[in-house]
Amino acid sequence: MPMIDVLWVKGPNQQKKDAAAAKIADAIHEATGSPLTSIWVNFIEVETDNFYVGHDSLTELRRKRAAAANSTA
């Protein structure tokens, strides 16, 4: 029974999760032949303050991106 954990930042709505889960399950089914009913997809939502890229949290990266966009406007 394949179990897939998807770690992502909080925010996407249920429709996006449904679509992502379906595509992930389909890809696992195609790759392994496992029946769809045995493929589990679990979404683990993380706050932007707890998700880092390099030295910066995603909160900080988004703040910097917004500041840069405002300075060029």
N, C-alpha and C. Protein backbone atom coordinates (compact mmCIF):
# COMPACT_ATOMS: atom_id res chain seq x y z
N MET A 1 0.84 -1.17 0.00
CA MET A 1 0.00 0.00 0.00
C MET A 1 0.89 1.25 0.00
N PRO A 2 0.99 1.96 -1.12
CA PRO A 2 1.78 3.19 -1.14
C PRO A 2 1.13 4.28 -0.29
N MET A 3 1.94 4.94 0.52
CA MET A 3 1.49 6.08 1.32
C MET A 3 2.39 7.25 0.97
N ILE A 4 1.80 8.33 0.51
CA ILE A 4 2.57 9.48 0.05
C ILE A 4 2.22 10.66 0.96
N ASP A 5 3.23 11.25 1.58
CA ASP A 5 3.06 12.48 2.35
C ASP A 5 3.47 13.65 1.48
N VAL A 6 2.59 14.65 1.41
CA VAL A 6 2.85 15.85 0.64
C VAL A 6 2.97 17.00 1.64
N LEU A 7 4.17 17.54 1.74
CA LEU A 7 4.43 18.67 2.63
C LEU A 7 4.29 19.93 1.82
N TRP A 8 3.37 20.80 2.23
CA TRP A 8 3.24 22.06 1.52
C TRP A 8 2.75 23.15 2.44
N VAL A 9 2.90 24.37 1.98
CA VAL A 9 2.55 25.54 2.77
C VAL A 9 1.03 25.66 2.82
N LYS A 10 0.51 26.01 3.99
CA LYS A 10 -0.92 26.21 4.16
C LYS A 10 -1.43 27.21 3.14
N GLY A 11 -2.65 26.97 2.70
CA GLY A 11 -3.25 27.96 1.83
C GLY A 11 -4.07 27.40 0.68
N PRO A 12 -3.57 26.40 -0.05
CA PRO A 12 -4.37 25.91 -1.17
C PRO A 12 -5.73 25.41 -0.71
N ASN A 13 -6.75 25.70 -1.52
CA ASN A 13 -8.10 25.29 -1.13
C ASN A 13 -8.31 23.80 -1.38
N GLN A 14 -9.46 23.32 -0.96
CA GLN A 14 -9.76 21.89 -1.06
C GLN A 14 -9.75 21.41 -2.51
N GLN A 15 -10.22 22.22 -3.43
CA GLN A 15 -10.24 21.82 -4.84
C GLN A 15 -8.82 21.57 -5.36
N LYS A 16 -7.87 22.39 -4.94
CA LYS A 16 -6.48 22.19 -5.36
C LYS A 16 -5.91 20.91 -4.74
N LYS A 17 -6.25 20.64 -3.49
CA LYS A 17 -5.80 19.41 -2.85
C LYS A 17 -6.39 18.20 -3.56
N ASP A 18 -7.69 18.28 -3.88
CA ASP A 18 -8.35 17.17 -4.58
C ASP A 18 -7.66 16.88 -5.90
N ALA A 19 -7.36 17.95 -6.65
CA ALA A 19 -6.72 17.79 -7.96
C ALA A 19 -5.31 17.21 -7.81
N ALA A 20 -4.56 17.73 -6.84
CA ALA A 20 -3.20 17.25 -6.62
C ALA A 20 -3.21 15.78 -6.19
N ALA A 21 -4.11 15.44 -5.26
CA ALA A 21 -4.19 14.05 -4.78
C ALA A 21 -4.53 13.10 -5.92
N ALA A 22 -5.44 13.51 -6.80
CA ALA A 22 -5.82 12.65 -7.92
C ALA A 22 -4.64 12.43 -8.86
N LYS A 23 -3.90 13.47 -9.16
CA LYS A 23 -2.75 13.33 -10.06
C LYS A 23 -1.64 12.49 -9.43
N ILE A 24 -1.42 12.69 -8.14
CA ILE A 24 -0.40 11.90 -7.44
C ILE A 24 -0.80 10.43 -7.42
N ALA A 25 -2.05 10.17 -7.07
CA ALA A 25 -2.53 8.77 -7.02
C ALA A 25 -2.45 8.13 -8.41
N ASP A 26 -2.84 8.87 -9.45
CA ASP A 26 -2.76 8.34 -10.81
C ASP A 26 -1.32 8.01 -11.20
N ALA A 27 -0.39 8.88 -10.84
CA ALA A 27 1.02 8.65 -11.18
C ALA A 27 1.57 7.43 -10.45
N ILE A 28 1.22 7.27 -9.18
CA ILE A 28 1.67 6.09 -8.43
C ILE A 28 1.04 4.83 -9.01
N HIS A 29 -0.22 4.91 -9.33
CA HIS A 29 -0.92 3.76 -9.94
C HIS A 29 -0.24 3.36 -11.25
N GLU A 30 0.05 4.34 -12.08
CA GLU A 30 0.69 4.06 -13.37
C GLU A 30 2.08 3.47 -13.18
N ALA A 31 2.83 4.00 -12.23
CA ALA A 31 4.21 3.55 -12.03
C ALA A 31 4.30 2.18 -11.37
N THR A 32 3.34 1.87 -10.47
CA THR A 32 3.47 0.66 -9.68
C THR A 32 2.41 -0.40 -9.97
N GLY A 33 1.32 0.03 -10.58
CA GLY A 33 0.22 -0.89 -10.80
C GLY A 33 -0.64 -1.11 -9.57
N SER A 34 -0.34 -0.40 -8.50
CA SER A 34 -1.15 -0.53 -7.28
C SER A 34 -2.57 -0.04 -7.56
N PRO A 35 -3.56 -0.71 -7.00
CA PRO A 35 -4.92 -0.22 -7.19
C PRO A 35 -5.11 1.14 -6.50
N LEU A 36 -5.91 1.99 -7.14
CA LEU A 36 -6.13 3.32 -6.57
C LEU A 36 -6.65 3.26 -5.14
N THR A 37 -7.43 2.24 -4.84
CA THR A 37 -7.99 2.12 -3.49
C THR A 37 -6.94 1.80 -2.43
N SER A 38 -5.73 1.46 -2.85
CA SER A 38 -4.68 1.18 -1.86
C SER A 38 -3.65 2.31 -1.78
N ILE A 39 -3.85 3.39 -2.53
CA ILE A 39 -2.90 4.51 -2.55
C ILE A 39 -3.42 5.60 -1.63
N TRP A 40 -2.64 5.92 -0.64
CA TRP A 40 -3.03 6.95 0.33
C TRP A 40 -2.17 8.19 0.10
N VAL A 41 -2.81 9.35 0.05
CA VAL A 41 -2.11 10.63 -0.09
C VAL A 41 -2.47 11.48 1.12
N ASN A 42 -1.47 11.93 1.84
CA ASN A 42 -1.66 12.71 3.06
C ASN A 42 -1.01 14.08 2.89
N PHE A 43 -1.80 15.14 3.08
CA PHE A 43 -1.26 16.50 2.99
C PHE A 43 -0.89 16.98 4.39
N ILE A 44 0.34 17.44 4.51
CA ILE A 44 0.83 18.00 5.77
C ILE A 44 1.03 19.49 5.50
N GLU A 45 0.22 20.29 6.15
CA GLU A 45 0.28 21.73 5.91
C GLU A 45 1.21 22.40 6.92
N VAL A 46 2.05 23.27 6.40
CA VAL A 46 3.06 23.95 7.20
C VAL A 46 2.84 25.45 7.10
N GLU A 47 2.95 26.14 8.21
CA GLU A 47 2.87 27.61 8.22
C GLU A 47 4.07 28.18 7.48
N THR A 48 3.90 29.33 6.86
CA THR A 48 5.01 29.94 6.12
C THR A 48 6.20 30.28 7.01
N ASP A 49 5.95 30.51 8.30
CA ASP A 49 7.06 30.78 9.23
C ASP A 49 7.89 29.54 9.51
N ASN A 50 7.37 28.36 9.21
CA ASN A 50 8.07 27.11 9.48
C ASN A 50 8.65 26.45 8.25
N PHE A 51 8.56 27.10 7.10
CA PHE A 51 9.03 26.55 5.84
C PHE A 51 10.17 27.44 5.35
N TYR A 52 11.35 26.89 5.22
CA TYR A 52 12.54 27.67 4.86
C TYR A 52 13.09 27.29 3.51
N VAL A 53 13.59 28.28 2.83
CA VAL A 53 14.37 28.10 1.61
C VAL A 53 15.71 28.77 1.91
N GLY A 54 16.74 27.96 2.04
CA GLY A 54 18.02 28.53 2.46
C GLY A 54 17.90 29.09 3.87
N HIS A 55 18.26 30.34 4.05
CA HIS A 55 18.25 30.97 5.38
C HIS A 55 16.95 31.69 5.69
N ASP A 56 16.07 31.84 4.72
CA ASP A 56 14.88 32.66 4.90
C ASP A 56 13.61 31.81 4.96
N SER A 57 12.73 32.20 5.88
CA SER A 57 11.41 31.55 5.92
C SER A 57 10.62 32.01 4.70
N LEU A 58 9.62 31.24 4.36
CA LEU A 58 8.79 31.62 3.23
C LEU A 58 8.08 32.94 3.52
N THR A 59 7.74 33.20 4.77
CA THR A 59 7.15 34.48 5.14
C THR A 59 8.09 35.61 4.75
N GLU A 60 9.37 35.46 5.08
CA GLU A 60 10.36 36.50 4.77
C GLU A 60 10.58 36.62 3.27
N LEU A 61 10.65 35.51 2.57
CA LEU A 61 10.82 35.56 1.12
C LEU A 61 9.66 36.26 0.44
N ARG A 62 8.45 35.99 0.91
CA ARG A 62 7.28 36.67 0.34
C ARG A 62 7.31 38.16 0.65
N ARG A 63 7.76 38.52 1.86
CA ARG A 63 7.86 39.93 2.21
C ARG A 63 8.86 40.63 1.30
N LYS A 64 10.02 39.99 1.09
CA LYS A 64 11.05 40.57 0.23
C LYS A 64 10.55 40.71 -1.21
N ARG A 65 9.83 39.68 -1.70
CA ARG A 65 9.30 39.73 -3.06
C ARG A 65 8.30 40.88 -3.21
N ALA A 66 7.45 41.05 -2.22
CA ALA A 66 6.45 42.14 -2.26
C ALA A 66 7.14 43.50 -2.22
N ALA A 67 8.17 43.62 -1.38
CA ALA A 67 8.91 44.89 -1.30
C ALA A 67 9.59 45.20 -2.61
N ALA A 68 10.18 44.20 -3.25
CA ALA A 68 10.85 44.40 -4.53
C ALA A 68 9.85 44.80 -5.61
N ALA A 69 8.68 44.18 -5.60
CA ALA A 69 7.65 44.50 -6.59
C ALA A 69 7.15 45.93 -6.39
N ASN A 70 7.02 46.35 -5.14
CA ASN A 70 6.55 47.70 -4.83
C ASN A 70 7.58 48.75 -5.20
N SER A 71 8.86 48.40 -5.09
CA SER A 71 9.91 49.37 -5.39
C SER A 71 10.09 49.57 -6.90
N THR A 72 9.67 48.61 -7.69
CA THR A 72 9.80 48.73 -9.15
C THR A 72 8.52 49.30 -9.78
N ALA A 73 7.46 49.40 -8.97
CA ALA A 73 6.18 49.89 -9.52
C ALA A 73 6.11 51.39 -9.54
